Amino acid sequence: MRALDVPCTHERVFRPQAALIDALRWYREADSGESSWIAWAFLWALPARIPVFHTVRDPWKVIDSLAYRNQIVSRDHPKTDHQRCQRDAVETYCPRVAKQATAVDRAACLLIDWNRMIEHAADDCADVYVSYGVESMCAGDVAALLSGIGVERTRDEIECALDSVPRTSNQGREIVHDVPISHPGVEEYIKARFPGVRMSVQRISPTTTSKTPRELADMMSPKLVDEVNEYADRFGYDTVDAPQAVESV
C-alpha cells in the first residue's frame, strides 16, 4: 500500500502492547490503513465492520522462516519486552503451539491456528474480506483490492509498486532451537542457580538456505503435515505427502 502512496501504517496501532483507545482513535480518524499480524484480535472491539485484506504466503516458506529465522516460537527466555508480548499473545491465543516439542511443529501450529482465527474474525467483523497469495499477485489483483477501499491507480503505477516490494520471507539467519546442553555440569548448574527457569540453547548462524517442503514435512508430525497440506491446497500452494508412520512390532 505504501508503495502506491496509500496511507498505511505497520504495527503502529494493532500490536500486543496497544491499548483499546489506540484502536478506537485509529477507527475514528479513518485516515489510513494498518498492517499487522495481530490486527484480527482487535476487530471485535471496533464499532463497525471494516475492510480486511488477508495476506497469505507460501506456508512452507512461512514455517521455515518461523522455525529457523524468528524468535516467536523459540523456547528461550524473551530478550525484550516486545518478544515477551509476542510470546504472550501466541501462547494465549494459540495454546497448541507451546505443546509441540519441536520448532518446526510449533511453527506449523502457529501458521494454521493464527490464520484460522484471522478468517474467523473476518467472518464476524469485515464488510469486505479478501485473502490473496502475495507471491502470485498481479496488477489486476491489486487493482481489485484498491477498488474495495475506493482507491484507483493506473496499471503502470501498480506494476512499478509490485516490482519495488520484495515478496520473500526472512532469509537473514538460521536459528536452531532446543539445542541439547552437551555438558551435564552446565545443566546441573543452571538448574541449581536458576530453579524453575526453562532452559533452552540456540545456535544462530548466517544463512540464505531454506528447508524444502519435503525436508520440513519429514521433520513434522504427520497430523500437522495434513493440516498444512489442506491450508496449502486451499490457497493454491504445493502440497507434500505426509511421512509414513513406522509401527514397532
Foldseek 3Di string as FASTA:
>chain_A
DVLLVAAEAECPQDALPHDLVSVAVCVVVVRHHYHYLRVLVNLVVYPAAAADEAEDEQLQQQLQCQLWPHCQLFPADDPDPRSVSSVVVCCVQQVVLVVDDGSSQSSLSSVLSSVVSSVVSCVVGHPHYHYAYLVPDALVNVQVVQVVVPDHDDNVSSVVSSVVDDDHHDQFKTKGKQDDDPDVVVVVVCCVVPPPHDDMDIDMGTGRDTDDPVRSLVVYDQVSLVSSQVVQVVRVHDHDHHDDDDDDD
